[in-house]
C-alpha atoms as a PDB file:
ATOM      1  CA  MET A   1     -15.500   7.522  47.769  1.00  0.00           C
ATOM      2  CA  SER A   2     -13.598   9.301  45.038  1.00  0.00           C
ATOM      3  CA  ALA A   3     -10.811   6.744  45.325  1.00  0.00           C
ATOM      4  CA  ALA A   4     -13.298   3.931  44.848  1.00  0.00           C
ATOM      5  CA  ALA A   5     -14.746   5.663  41.835  1.00  0.00           C
ATOM      6  CA  ALA A   6     -11.278   6.073  40.386  1.00  0.00           C
ATOM      7  CA  ASP A   7     -10.556   2.388  40.901  1.00  0.00           C
ATOM      8  CA  THR A   8     -13.762   1.196  39.286  1.00  0.00           C
ATOM      9  CA  GLY A   9     -14.044   3.801  36.538  1.00  0.00           C
ATOM     10  CA  SER A  10     -13.323   2.963  32.940  1.00  0.00           C
ATOM     11  CA  GLY A  11     -11.662   6.264  32.095  1.00  0.00           C
ATOM     12  CA  PRO A  12      -7.923   6.889  31.931  1.00  0.00           C
ATOM     13  CA  PRO A  13      -5.939   7.295  35.136  1.00  0.00           C
ATOM     14  CA  ALA A  14      -5.618  10.758  36.608  1.00  0.00           C
ATOM     15  CA  GLY A  15      -2.606  12.835  35.765  1.00  0.00           C
ATOM     16  CA  GLY A  16      -3.102  13.446  32.059  1.00  0.00           C
ATOM     17  CA  GLY A  17      -1.293  11.802  29.189  1.00  0.00           C
ATOM     18  CA  ILE A  18      -2.429   9.302  26.600  1.00  0.00           C
ATOM     19  CA  PHE A  19      -3.590   5.897  27.746  1.00  0.00           C
ATOM     20  CA  ILE A  20      -4.694   2.756  25.959  1.00  0.00           C
ATOM     21  CA  THR A  21      -7.999   1.563  27.352  1.00  0.00           C
ATOM     22  CA  ASP A  22     -10.814  -0.697  26.224  1.00  0.00           C
ATOM     23  CA  ASP A  23     -12.615   2.409  24.977  1.00  0.00           C
ATOM     24  CA  ASN A  24      -9.588   4.070  23.376  1.00  0.00           C
ATOM     25  CA  LEU A  25      -7.318   2.072  21.078  1.00  0.00           C
ATOM     26  CA  ASN A  26      -6.357   5.091  18.991  1.00  0.00           C
ATOM     27  CA  PRO A  27      -2.832   5.277  20.476  1.00  0.00           C
ATOM     28  CA  VAL A  28      -2.240   1.791  19.057  1.00  0.00           C
ATOM     29  CA  VAL A  29      -3.383   2.950  15.616  1.00  0.00           C
ATOM     30  CA  GLN A  30      -1.058   5.931  15.787  1.00  0.00           C
ATOM     31  CA  ILE A  31       1.927   3.933  17.041  1.00  0.00           C
ATOM     32  CA  ILE A  32       1.517   1.338  14.281  1.00  0.00           C
ATOM     33  CA  THR A  33       1.123   4.095  11.698  1.00  0.00           C
ATOM     34  CA  TRP A  34       4.320   5.800  12.876  1.00  0.00           C
ATOM     35  CA  VAL A  35       6.229   2.506  12.787  1.00  0.00           C
ATOM     36  CA  LEU A  36       4.987   1.638   9.296  1.00  0.00           C
ATOM     37  CA  LEU A  37       5.776   5.154   8.098  1.00  0.00           C
ATOM     38  CA  ALA A  38       9.344   4.733   9.329  1.00  0.00           C
ATOM     39  CA  CYS A  39       9.601   1.282   7.729  1.00  0.00           C
ATOM     40  CA  THR A  40       8.242   2.616   4.439  1.00  0.00           C
ATOM     41  CA  SER A  41      10.841   5.384   4.471  1.00  0.00           C
ATOM     42  CA  LEU A  42      13.595   2.854   5.165  1.00  0.00           C
ATOM     43  CA  MET A  43      12.473   0.686   2.252  1.00  0.00           C
ATOM     44  CA  ILE A  44      12.563   3.657  -0.112  1.00  0.00           C
ATOM     45  CA  CYS A  45      16.020   4.653   1.141  1.00  0.00           C
ATOM     46  CA  PHE A  46      17.169   1.053   0.754  1.00  0.00           C
ATOM     47  CA  ARG A  47      16.029   0.959  -2.864  1.00  0.00           C
ATOM     48  CA  LEU A  48      17.585   4.291  -3.828  1.00  0.00           C
ATOM     49  CA  LEU A  49      20.855   3.656  -1.989  1.00  0.00           C
ATOM     50  CA  THR A  50      21.119   0.181  -3.488  1.00  0.00           C
ATOM     51  CA  ARG A  51      20.843   1.670  -6.961  1.00  0.00           C
ATOM     52  CA  TYR A  52      23.311   4.434  -6.153  1.00  0.00           C
ATOM     53  CA  PHE A  53      26.074   2.448  -4.439  1.00  0.00           C
ATOM     54  CA  LEU A  54      25.850  -0.846  -6.310  1.00  0.00           C
ATOM     55  CA  THR A  55      25.478   0.568  -9.794  1.00  0.00           C
ATOM     56  CA  LYS A  56      27.630   3.708  -9.356  1.00  0.00           C
ATOM     57  CA  ARG A  57      24.838   5.666 -10.967  1.00  0.00           C
ATOM     58  CA  ARG A  58      22.310   8.292  -9.983  1.00  0.00           C
ATOM     59  CA  PHE A  59      19.467   7.691  -7.520  1.00  0.00           C
ATOM     60  CA  PHE A  60      16.762   7.717 -10.190  1.00  0.00           C
ATOM     61  CA  GLY A  61      17.200   5.256 -13.033  1.00  0.00           C
ATOM     62  CA  GLY A  62      13.870   5.377 -14.818  1.00  0.00           C
ATOM     63  CA  TRP A  63      10.116   5.775 -14.635  1.00  0.00           C
ATOM     64  CA  ASP A  64       9.835   2.954 -12.110  1.00  0.00           C
ATOM     65  CA  ASP A  65      11.838   5.008  -9.595  1.00  0.00           C
ATOM     66  CA  ILE A  66       9.999   8.249 -10.321  1.00  0.00           C
ATOM     67  CA  LEU A  67       6.580   6.636  -9.954  1.00  0.00           C
ATOM     68  CA  LEU A  68       7.611   4.963  -6.715  1.00  0.00           C
ATOM     69  CA  ILE A  69       8.934   8.199  -5.215  1.00  0.00           C
ATOM     70  CA  VAL A  70       5.660   9.981  -6.000  1.00  0.00           C
ATOM     71  CA  SER A  71       3.799   7.001  -4.530  1.00  0.00           C
ATOM     72  CA  TYR A  72       5.891   7.300  -1.370  1.00  0.00           C
ATOM     73  CA  ILE A  73       5.146  11.021  -1.037  1.00  0.00           C
ATOM     74  CA  LEU A  74       1.424  10.296  -1.309  1.00  0.00           C
ATOM     75  CA  ALA A  75       1.778   7.447   1.201  1.00  0.00           C
ATOM     76  CA  VAL A  76       3.396   9.830   3.682  1.00  0.00           C
ATOM     77  CA  GLY A  77       0.428  12.150   3.250  1.00  0.00           C
ATOM     78  CA  GLU A  78      -1.992   9.264   3.771  1.00  0.00           C
ATOM     79  CA  MET A  79      -0.291   8.110   6.949  1.00  0.00           C
ATOM     80  CA  VAL A  80      -0.015  11.657   8.288  1.00  0.00           C
ATOM     81  CA  ALA A  81      -3.777  11.980   7.805  1.00  0.00           C
ATOM     82  CA  TRP A  82      -4.183   9.106  10.262  1.00  0.00           C
ATOM     83  CA  ILE A  83      -1.937  10.602  12.935  1.00  0.00           C
ATOM     84  CA  LEU A  84      -3.359  14.117  12.896  1.00  0.00           C
ATOM     85  CA  PRO A  85      -5.214  15.243  16.050  1.00  0.00           C
ATOM     86  CA  GLN A  86      -8.458  15.062  14.053  1.00  0.00           C
ATOM     87  CA  SER A  87      -7.911  11.318  13.559  1.00  0.00           C
ATOM     88  CA  THR A  88      -7.993  10.461  17.253  1.00  0.00           C
ATOM     89  CA  ILE A  89     -11.586   9.268  16.788  1.00  0.00           C
ATOM     90  CA  PHE A  90     -10.379   6.108  15.047  1.00  0.00           C
ATOM     91  CA  GLY A  91     -10.114   3.419  17.692  1.00  0.00           C
ATOM     92  CA  ARG A  92     -12.166   5.328  20.300  1.00  0.00           C
ATOM     93  CA  SER A  93     -15.609   4.420  21.517  1.00  0.00           C
ATOM     94  CA  LEU A  94     -18.326   6.360  19.718  1.00  0.00           C
ATOM     95  CA  ASN A  95     -19.889   7.590  22.957  1.00  0.00           C
ATOM     96  CA  LEU A  96     -16.673   9.510  23.719  1.00  0.00           C
ATOM     97  CA  ILE A  97     -16.798  11.449  20.435  1.00  0.00           C
ATOM     98  CA  SER A  98     -18.649  14.698  19.807  1.00  0.00           C
ATOM     99  CA  ARG A  99     -20.334  15.595  16.541  1.00  0.00           C
ATOM    100  CA  ASP A 100     -17.614  18.129  15.702  1.00  0.00           C
ATOM    101  CA  GLU A 101     -14.890  15.571  16.418  1.00  0.00           C
ATOM    102  CA  LEU A 102     -16.614  13.050  14.161  1.00  0.00           C
ATOM    103  CA  ALA A 103     -16.849  15.544  11.293  1.00  0.00           C
ATOM    104  CA  ALA A 104     -13.164  16.461  11.684  1.00  0.00           C
ATOM    105  CA  GLY A 105     -12.164  12.799  11.775  1.00  0.00           C
ATOM    106  CA  LEU A 106     -14.186  11.981   8.666  1.00  0.00           C
ATOM    107  CA  LYS A 107     -12.457  14.847   6.847  1.00  0.00           C
ATOM    108  CA  ALA A 108      -9.094  13.271   7.664  1.00  0.00           C
ATOM    109  CA  MET A 109     -10.382   9.866   6.557  1.00  0.00           C
ATOM    110  CA  TYR A 110     -11.701  11.397   3.334  1.00  0.00           C
ATOM    111  CA  ALA A 111      -8.273  12.805   2.463  1.00  0.00           C
ATOM    112  CA  GLY A 112      -6.562   9.601   3.547  1.00  0.00           C
ATOM    113  CA  ASP A 113      -8.759   7.433   1.318  1.00  0.00           C
ATOM    114  CA  ILE A 114      -7.926   9.463  -1.796  1.00  0.00           C
ATOM    115  CA  LEU A 115      -4.195   9.480  -1.044  1.00  0.00           C
ATOM    116  CA  PHE A 116      -4.348   5.749  -0.259  1.00  0.00           C
ATOM    117  CA  ILE A 117      -5.762   4.906  -3.696  1.00  0.00           C
ATOM    118  CA  LEU A 118      -3.383   7.203  -5.576  1.00  0.00           C
ATOM    119  CA  SER A 119      -0.348   5.903  -3.705  1.00  0.00           C
ATOM    120  CA  LEU A 120      -1.192   2.245  -4.277  1.00  0.00           C
ATOM    121  CA  GLY A 121      -1.929   2.877  -7.939  1.00  0.00           C
ATOM    122  CA  LEU A 122       1.410   4.589  -8.571  1.00  0.00           C
ATOM    123  CA  ALA A 123       3.277   1.839  -6.700  1.00  0.00           C
ATOM    124  CA  LYS A 124       1.645  -0.733  -8.990  1.00  0.00           C
ATOM    125  CA  LEU A 125       2.556   1.337 -12.059  1.00  0.00           C
ATOM    126  CA  SER A 126       6.144   1.443 -10.814  1.00  0.00           C
ATOM    127  CA  VAL A 127       6.177  -2.352 -10.772  1.00  0.00           C
ATOM    128  CA  CYS A 128       4.715  -2.447 -14.297  1.00  0.00           C
ATOM    129  CA  ALA A 129       7.448  -0.069 -15.492  1.00  0.00           C
ATOM    130  CA  CYS A 130      10.054  -2.302 -13.883  1.00  0.00           C
ATOM    131  CA  TYR A 131       8.644  -5.355 -15.679  1.00  0.00           C
ATOM    132  CA  LEU A 132       8.763  -3.526 -19.010  1.00  0.00           C
ATOM    133  CA  ASN A 133      12.459  -2.874 -18.376  1.00  0.00           C
ATOM    134  CA  LEU A 134      13.015  -6.593 -17.812  1.00  0.00           C
ATOM    135  CA  VAL A 135      11.019  -8.061 -20.682  1.00  0.00           C
ATOM    136  CA  PRO A 136      13.027  -8.272 -23.932  1.00  0.00           C
ATOM    137  CA  ALA A 137      11.693  -6.377 -26.924  1.00  0.00           C
ATOM    138  CA  ASN A 138      11.019  -9.569 -28.888  1.00  0.00           C
ATOM    139  CA  ASP A 139       8.816 -11.023 -26.149  1.00  0.00           C
ATOM    140  CA  THR A 140       5.579  -9.560 -27.461  1.00  0.00           C
ATOM    141  CA  PHE A 141       3.328 -11.623 -25.209  1.00  0.00           C
ATOM    142  CA  HIS A 142       4.761 -10.493 -21.880  1.00  0.00           C
ATOM    143  CA  ARG A 143       5.195  -6.900 -23.030  1.00  0.00           C
ATOM    144  CA  GLN A 144       1.539  -6.725 -24.063  1.00  0.00           C
ATOM    145  CA  TRP A 145       0.545  -8.355 -20.774  1.00  0.00           C
ATOM    146  CA  SER A 146       2.561  -5.762 -18.858  1.00  0.00           C
ATOM    147  CA  TYR A 147       1.006  -2.896 -20.827  1.00  0.00           C
ATOM    148  CA  LEU A 148      -2.458  -4.352 -20.295  1.00  0.00           C
ATOM    149  CA  THR A 149      -1.873  -4.643 -16.547  1.00  0.00           C
ATOM    150  CA  ALA A 150      -0.589  -1.064 -16.449  1.00  0.00           C
ATOM    151  CA  GLY A 151      -3.708   0.102 -18.292  1.00  0.00           C
ATOM    152  CA  VAL A 152      -5.952  -1.700 -15.810  1.00  0.00           C
ATOM    153  CA  VAL A 153      -4.043  -0.116 -12.910  1.00  0.00           C
ATOM    154  CA  VAL A 154      -4.430   3.358 -14.437  1.00  0.00           C
ATOM    155  CA  LEU A 155      -8.185   2.834 -14.807  1.00  0.00           C
ATOM    156  CA  TRP A 156      -8.377   1.449 -11.253  1.00  0.00           C
ATOM    157  CA  THR A 157      -6.522   4.437  -9.828  1.00  0.00           C
ATOM    158  CA  MET A 158      -8.442   7.094 -11.721  1.00  0.00           C
ATOM    159  CA  SER A 159     -11.902   5.598 -11.245  1.00  0.00           C
ATOM    160  CA  PHE A 160     -11.640   4.878  -7.533  1.00  0.00           C
ATOM    161  CA  SER A 161      -9.844   8.113  -6.646  1.00  0.00           C
ATOM    162  CA  LEU A 162     -12.569  10.105  -8.415  1.00  0.00           C
ATOM    163  CA  ALA A 163     -15.260   7.978  -6.776  1.00  0.00           C
ATOM    164  CA  ALA A 164     -13.645   8.583  -3.374  1.00  0.00           C
ATOM    165  CA  ALA A 165     -13.563  12.321  -4.015  1.00  0.00           C
ATOM    166  CA  PHE A 166     -17.224  12.533  -5.082  1.00  0.00           C
ATOM    167  CA  ARG A 167     -18.950   9.948  -2.894  1.00  0.00           C
ATOM    168  CA  CYS A 168     -21.797  12.391  -2.285  1.00  0.00           C
ATOM    169  CA  GLY A 169     -21.518  14.239  -5.561  1.00  0.00           C
ATOM    170  CA  ILE A 170     -20.300  17.781  -4.997  1.00  0.00           C
ATOM    171  CA  ARG A 171     -21.502  17.750  -1.366  1.00  0.00           C
ATOM    172  CA  PRO A 172     -18.951  17.157   1.428  1.00  0.00           C
ATOM    173  CA  TRP A 173     -18.850  13.446   2.197  1.00  0.00           C
ATOM    174  CA  TRP A 174     -18.160  13.978   5.909  1.00  0.00           C
ATOM    175  CA  ASP A 175     -21.637  15.521   6.289  1.00  0.00           C
ATOM    176  CA  TYR A 176     -23.420  12.637   4.602  1.00  0.00           C
ATOM    177  CA  ALA A 177     -25.307  11.682   7.782  1.00  0.00           C
ATOM    178  CA  ALA A 178     -27.168  15.004   7.625  1.00  0.00           C
ATOM    179  CA  TYR A 179     -28.317  14.570   4.033  1.00  0.00           C
ATOM    180  CA  ASP A 180     -31.948  13.806   3.352  1.00  0.00           C
ATOM    181  CA  GLU A 181     -32.522  11.250   0.600  1.00  0.00           C
ATOM    182  CA  THR A 182     -35.913  12.793  -0.112  1.00  0.00           C
ATOM    183  CA  ALA A 183     -34.108  15.986  -1.141  1.00  0.00           C
ATOM    184  CA  GLY A 184     -32.313  14.078  -3.886  1.00  0.00           C
ATOM    185  CA  ILE A 185     -28.915  13.975  -2.174  1.00  0.00           C
ATOM    186  CA  MET A 186     -27.602  10.439  -2.445  1.00  0.00           C
ATOM    187  CA  CYS A 187     -24.258   9.148  -1.197  1.00  0.00           C
ATOM    188  CA  MET A 188     -22.369   6.073  -2.248  1.00  0.00           C
ATOM    189  CA  ASP A 189     -22.722   2.978  -0.077  1.00  0.00           C
ATOM    190  CA  GLN A 190     -19.560   3.146   2.019  1.00  0.00           C
ATOM    191  CA  THR A 191     -19.295  -0.599   2.645  1.00  0.00           C
ATOM    192  CA  ALA A 192     -19.749  -1.552  -1.007  1.00  0.00           C
ATOM    193  CA  PHE A 193     -17.295   1.139  -2.089  1.00  0.00           C
ATOM    194  CA  LEU A 194     -14.528   0.015   0.272  1.00  0.00           C
ATOM    195  CA  GLN A 195     -15.120  -3.639  -0.589  1.00  0.00           C
ATOM    196  CA  SER A 196     -14.830  -2.933  -4.305  1.00  0.00           C
ATOM    197  CA  ILE A 197     -11.514  -1.143  -3.709  1.00  0.00           C
ATOM    198  CA  SER A 198     -10.103  -4.053  -1.702  1.00  0.00           C
ATOM    199  CA  ILE A 199     -11.272  -6.775  -4.082  1.00  0.00           C
ATOM    200  CA  THR A 200      -9.915  -5.078  -7.198  1.00  0.00           C
ATOM    201  CA  ASN A 201      -6.721  -4.215  -5.332  1.00  0.00           C
ATOM    202  CA  ILE A 202      -6.191  -7.913  -4.630  1.00  0.00           C
ATOM    203  CA  LEU A 203      -6.913  -8.852  -8.249  1.00  0.00           C
ATOM    204  CA  THR A 204      -4.416  -6.348  -9.664  1.00  0.00           C
ATOM    205  CA  ASP A 205      -1.750  -7.503  -7.214  1.00  0.00           C
ATOM    206  CA  PHE A 206      -2.405 -11.083  -8.286  1.00  0.00           C
ATOM    207  CA  GLY A 207      -1.832 -10.033 -11.902  1.00  0.00           C
ATOM    208  CA  LEU A 208       1.458  -8.384 -10.948  1.00  0.00           C
ATOM    209  CA  VAL A 209       2.584 -11.652  -9.352  1.00  0.00           C
ATOM    210  CA  VAL A 210       1.690 -13.807 -12.359  1.00  0.00           C
ATOM    211  CA  ILE A 211       3.719 -11.789 -14.894  1.00  0.00           C
ATOM    212  CA  PRO A 212       7.245 -12.481 -13.535  1.00  0.00           C
ATOM    213  CA  ILE A 213       6.401 -16.094 -12.706  1.00  0.00           C
ATOM    214  CA  SER A 214       5.238 -16.796 -16.259  1.00  0.00           C
ATOM    215  CA  LEU A 215       8.338 -15.023 -17.567  1.00  0.00           C
ATOM    216  CA  LEU A 216      10.919 -16.815 -15.419  1.00  0.00           C
ATOM    217  CA  ALA A 217       9.460 -20.301 -15.002  1.00  0.00           C
ATOM    218  CA  PRO A 218      10.106 -21.575 -18.583  1.00  0.00           C
ATOM    219  CA  LEU A 219      13.773 -20.484 -18.655  1.00  0.00           C
ATOM    220  CA  SER A 220      16.467 -23.172 -18.528  1.00  0.00           C
ATOM    221  CA  LEU A 221      18.185 -22.111 -15.333  1.00  0.00           C
ATOM    222  CA  PRO A 222      19.553 -23.974 -12.337  1.00  0.00           C
ATOM    223  CA  PHE A 223      16.649 -24.731 -10.039  1.00  0.00           C
ATOM    224  CA  ARG A 224      17.953 -22.629  -7.155  1.00  0.00           C
ATOM    225  CA  THR A 225      18.542 -19.621  -9.405  1.00  0.00           C
ATOM    226  CA  ARG A 226      15.113 -19.849 -10.963  1.00  0.00           C
ATOM    227  CA  ALA A 227      13.398 -20.473  -7.624  1.00  0.00           C
ATOM    228  CA  GLY A 228      15.222 -17.540  -6.030  1.00  0.00           C
ATOM    229  CA  ALA A 229      14.250 -15.209  -8.850  1.00  0.00           C
ATOM    230  CA  ILE A 230      10.619 -16.287  -8.722  1.00  0.00           C
ATOM    231  CA  LEU A 231      10.586 -15.945  -4.937  1.00  0.00           C
ATOM    232  CA  ILE A 232      11.913 -12.386  -5.063  1.00  0.00           C
ATOM    233  CA  PHE A 233       9.471 -11.263  -7.724  1.00  0.00           C
ATOM    234  CA  SER A 234       6.580 -13.114  -6.072  1.00  0.00           C
ATOM    235  CA  ALA A 235       7.030 -11.195  -2.831  1.00  0.00           C
ATOM    236  CA  ARG A 236       4.205  -8.954  -3.985  1.00  0.00           C
ATOM    237  CA  ALA A 237       1.835 -11.776  -3.057  1.00  0.00           C
ATOM    238  CA  LEU A 238       2.433 -10.755   0.562  1.00  0.00           C
ATOM    239  CA  VAL A 239       0.464  -7.576  -0.144  1.00  0.00           C
ATOM    240  CA  ILE A 240      -2.632  -9.727  -0.531  1.00  0.00           C
ATOM    241  CA  ILE A 241      -2.507 -10.770   3.144  1.00  0.00           C
ATOM    242  CA  PRO A 242      -3.210  -7.331   4.709  1.00  0.00           C
ATOM    243  CA  CYS A 243      -5.647  -6.662   1.844  1.00  0.00           C
ATOM    244  CA  ALA A 244      -7.612  -9.747   2.885  1.00  0.00           C
ATOM    245  CA  PHE A 245      -7.708  -8.572   6.508  1.00  0.00           C
ATOM    246  CA  GLN A 246      -8.814  -5.129   5.384  1.00  0.00           C
ATOM    247  CA  LEU A 247     -11.596  -6.661   3.296  1.00  0.00           C
ATOM    248  CA  ALA A 248     -12.754  -8.876   6.160  1.00  0.00           C
ATOM    249  CA  TYR A 249     -13.260  -5.946   8.559  1.00  0.00           C
ATOM    250  CA  ILE A 250     -14.949  -3.499   6.173  1.00  0.00           C
ATOM    251  CA  PRO A 251     -18.479  -4.510   7.338  1.00  0.00           C
ATOM    252  CA  ARG A 252     -17.663  -2.951  10.712  1.00  0.00           C
ATOM    253  CA  LEU A 253     -17.858   0.460   8.999  1.00  0.00           C
ATOM    254  CA  ALA A 254     -21.389  -0.094   7.719  1.00  0.00           C
ATOM    255  CA  ASP A 255     -23.006   2.840   9.554  1.00  0.00           C
ATOM    256  CA  MET A 256     -20.483   5.648   9.983  1.00  0.00           C
ATOM    257  CA  THR A 257     -22.709   8.069  11.902  1.00  0.00           C
ATOM    258  CA  LEU A 258     -22.681   9.458  15.424  1.00  0.00           C
ATOM    259  CA  ASP A 259     -25.915   7.624  16.240  1.00  0.00           C
ATOM    260  CA  SER A 260     -24.656   4.295  14.926  1.00  0.00           C
ATOM    261  CA  ALA A 261     -25.407   1.263  17.067  1.00  0.00           C
ATOM    262  CA  THR A 262     -22.320  -0.529  15.712  1.00  0.00           C
ATOM    263  CA  ASN A 263     -19.737   1.635  17.546  1.00  0.00           C
ATOM    264  CA  TRP A 264     -17.796   1.675  14.276  1.00  0.00           C
ATOM    265  CA  THR A 265     -15.022   3.989  15.451  1.00  0.00           C
ATOM    266  CA  LEU A 266     -13.936   1.399  18.034  1.00  0.00           C
ATOM    267  CA  ASN A 267     -14.927  -1.843  16.318  1.00  0.00           C
ATOM    268  CA  GLY A 268     -13.278  -0.692  13.095  1.00  0.00           C
ATOM    269  CA  PHE A 269      -9.871  -0.745  14.816  1.00  0.00           C
ATOM    270  CA  PRO A 270      -8.632  -3.819  12.844  1.00  0.00           C
ATOM    271  CA  TYR A 271      -9.617  -2.149   9.565  1.00  0.00           C
ATOM    272  CA  PHE A 272      -7.715   1.031  10.423  1.00  0.00           C
ATOM    273  CA  VAL A 273      -4.561  -0.951  11.205  1.00  0.00           C
ATOM    274  CA  ALA A 274      -4.918  -3.157   8.113  1.00  0.00           C
ATOM    275  CA  THR A 275      -5.217  -0.074   5.905  1.00  0.00           C
ATOM    276  CA  GLN A 276      -1.816   1.173   7.023  1.00  0.00           C
ATOM    277  CA  ALA A 277      -0.353  -2.309   6.570  1.00  0.00           C
ATOM    278  CA  VAL A 278      -1.654  -2.403   2.982  1.00  0.00           C
ATOM    279  CA  GLU A 279      -0.048   0.976   2.294  1.00  0.00           C
ATOM    280  CA  PHE A 280       3.304  -0.176   3.645  1.00  0.00           C
ATOM    281  CA  ALA A 281       3.203  -3.555   1.890  1.00  0.00           C
ATOM    282  CA  GLY A 282       2.363  -2.001  -1.475  1.00  0.00           C
ATOM    283  CA  ILE A 283       5.509   0.137  -1.455  1.00  0.00           C
ATOM    284  CA  ALA A 284       7.748  -2.428   0.255  1.00  0.00           C
ATOM    285  CA  ALA A 285       6.899  -5.031  -2.397  1.00  0.00           C
ATOM    286  CA  ALA A 286       8.043  -2.611  -5.104  1.00  0.00           C
ATOM    287  CA  CYS A 287      11.394  -2.232  -3.327  1.00  0.00           C
ATOM    288  CA  ILE A 288      12.122  -5.822  -2.371  1.00  0.00           C
ATOM    289  CA  ILE A 289      13.207  -6.892  -5.870  1.00  0.00           C
ATOM    290  CA  TYR A 290      16.456  -5.033  -5.141  1.00  0.00           C
ATOM    291  CA  LEU A 291      17.173  -7.314  -2.197  1.00  0.00           C
ATOM    292  CA  SER A 292      18.867 -10.085  -4.194  1.00  0.00           C
ATOM    293  CA  PRO A 293      21.704  -8.065  -5.776  1.00  0.00           C
ATOM    294  CA  PHE A 294      22.170  -6.234  -2.485  1.00  0.00           C
ATOM    295  CA  LEU A 295      22.702  -9.455  -0.513  1.00  0.00           C
ATOM    296  CA  GLN A 296      24.870 -10.973  -3.224  1.00  0.00           C
ATOM    297  CA  SER A 297      27.163  -7.955  -3.219  1.00  0.00           C
ATOM    298  CA  LEU A 298      27.490  -8.145   0.565  1.00  0.00           C
ATOM    299  CA  GLY A 299      28.344 -11.827   0.343  1.00  0.00           C
ATOM    300  CA  SER A 300      31.141 -11.403  -2.181  1.00  0.00           C
ATOM    301  CA  GLY A 301      32.623  -8.199  -0.816  1.00  0.00           C
ATOM    302  CA  ALA A 302      34.233  -7.358  -4.145  1.00  0.00           C
ATOM    303  CA  MET A 303      31.417  -7.940  -6.586  1.00  0.00           C
ATOM    304  CA  THR A 304      30.547  -4.960  -8.701  1.00  0.00           C
ATOM    305  CA  ALA A 305      26.993  -3.860  -9.269  1.00  0.00           C
ATOM    306  CA  ARG A 306      26.885  -5.200 -12.787  1.00  0.00           C
ATOM    307  CA  GLU A 307      28.393  -8.520 -11.738  1.00  0.00           C
ATOM    308  CA  SER A 308      25.890  -8.791  -8.916  1.00  0.00           C
ATOM    309  CA  LEU A 309      22.977  -8.213 -11.234  1.00  0.00           C
ATOM    310  CA  VAL A 310      24.312 -10.343 -14.083  1.00  0.00           C
ATOM    311  CA  SER A 311      24.876 -13.259 -11.716  1.00  0.00           C
ATOM    312  CA  PHE A 312      21.165 -13.130 -11.097  1.00  0.00           C
ATOM    313  CA  THR A 313      20.440 -12.978 -14.864  1.00  0.00           C
ATOM    314  CA  PRO A 314      20.103 -16.015 -17.147  1.00  0.00           C
ATOM    315  CA  LYS A 315      22.040 -15.987 -20.402  1.00  0.00           C
ATOM    316  CA  LYS A 316      20.014 -15.739 -23.561  1.00  0.00           C
ATOM    317  CA  ARG A 317      19.317 -19.039 -25.170  1.00  0.00           C
ATOM    318  CA  LYS A 318      19.783 -19.046 -28.939  1.00  0.00           C
ATOM    319  CA  GLN A 319      16.999 -21.549 -29.364  1.00  0.00           C
ATOM    320  CA  SER A 320      14.483 -19.511 -27.383  1.00  0.00           C
ATOM    321  CA  ALA A 321      12.990 -16.091 -27.915  1.00  0.00           C
ATOM    322  CA  GLN A 322      12.575 -15.606 -24.176  1.00  0.00           C
ATOM    323  CA  ALA A 323      15.211 -13.862 -22.088  1.00  0.00           C
ATOM    324  CA  VAL A 324      15.099 -11.736 -18.990  1.00  0.00           C
ATOM    325  CA  HIS A 325      17.341  -8.679 -18.767  1.00  0.00           C
ATOM    326  CA  LEU A 326      17.540  -8.496 -15.001  1.00  0.00           C
ATOM    327  CA  GLY A 327      20.635  -6.350 -15.349  1.00  0.00           C
ATOM    328  CA  SER A 328      18.331  -3.508 -16.326  1.00  0.00           C
ATOM    329  CA  LEU A 329      17.309  -3.264 -12.698  1.00  0.00           C
ATOM    330  CA  GLY A 330      20.542  -1.411 -12.200  1.00  0.00           C
ATOM    331  CA  SER A 331      20.311   0.738 -15.299  1.00  0.00           C
ATOM    332  CA  GLY A 332      16.662   1.774 -14.990  1.00  0.00           C
ATOM    333  CA  SER A 333      14.928   2.279 -18.334  1.00  0.00           C
ATOM    334  CA  ARG A 334      15.942   0.466 -21.465  1.00  0.00           C
END
């Protein structure tokens, strides 16, 4: 009888351990988070080592590197928040979670949301700083555009991180289900808040893609050189893909309570995975612009860092005010 029950039961097999079941997809969330954390670390190492070995300089070349390193540290904190024991509720069926477990999990999610916004914002600012290193001083239009985009990113980061921190005013957000609206305690609509973050995140990434395209497209370069440069700098558009998936699955988190009929902790599994993918993509896109000189140097075997970068840089045209100092990628700030 007990054997039959074991065969037909929906729980994990006997013997302990962690198992992936229809009611518990949290191990998948944690595995993906660990993998993306490792990949994010590799991308950061790739960027810093590329600068160090190819340019014969120090690891940090300017504000773009400093901002990205801080963004990476915050990203590590965000991902760790999702692999803590308290975060095992994400991907599990709601009927397997106690009230204390839910409160602990929401605390981890609360910290992760704030770190997520701060990390993405600093990664975007790193890209803006990189663009300002590339745009010549006499190109007023693109420099103003870069400064404007950086200002928008700063406002985005500050406003949403503060909103995430005070979603229920000074009351703890993870206890919002116990608050009585008649007592004057109001909390922000979670679905609308997350949707506004995702939508504006996509818009700012779109702006960061447009800047290098508008800068490089008019230059009189060989087609393959120009197309390669645009392709490298347009890689940030890939960040929009996980952002779109994240946005699509936000409605599954509409009622984040223990009595919810939506089983949001299990049905929100795609959102949890997409969030980690957005975090990884945001930092990886800020590192990928170093891929071109890295591959070129490997191909030549004897090419110096400056030669590698200059070969990717168009010469200034006397008849045009536009020029792109891509060699400054190796030297950091101007």
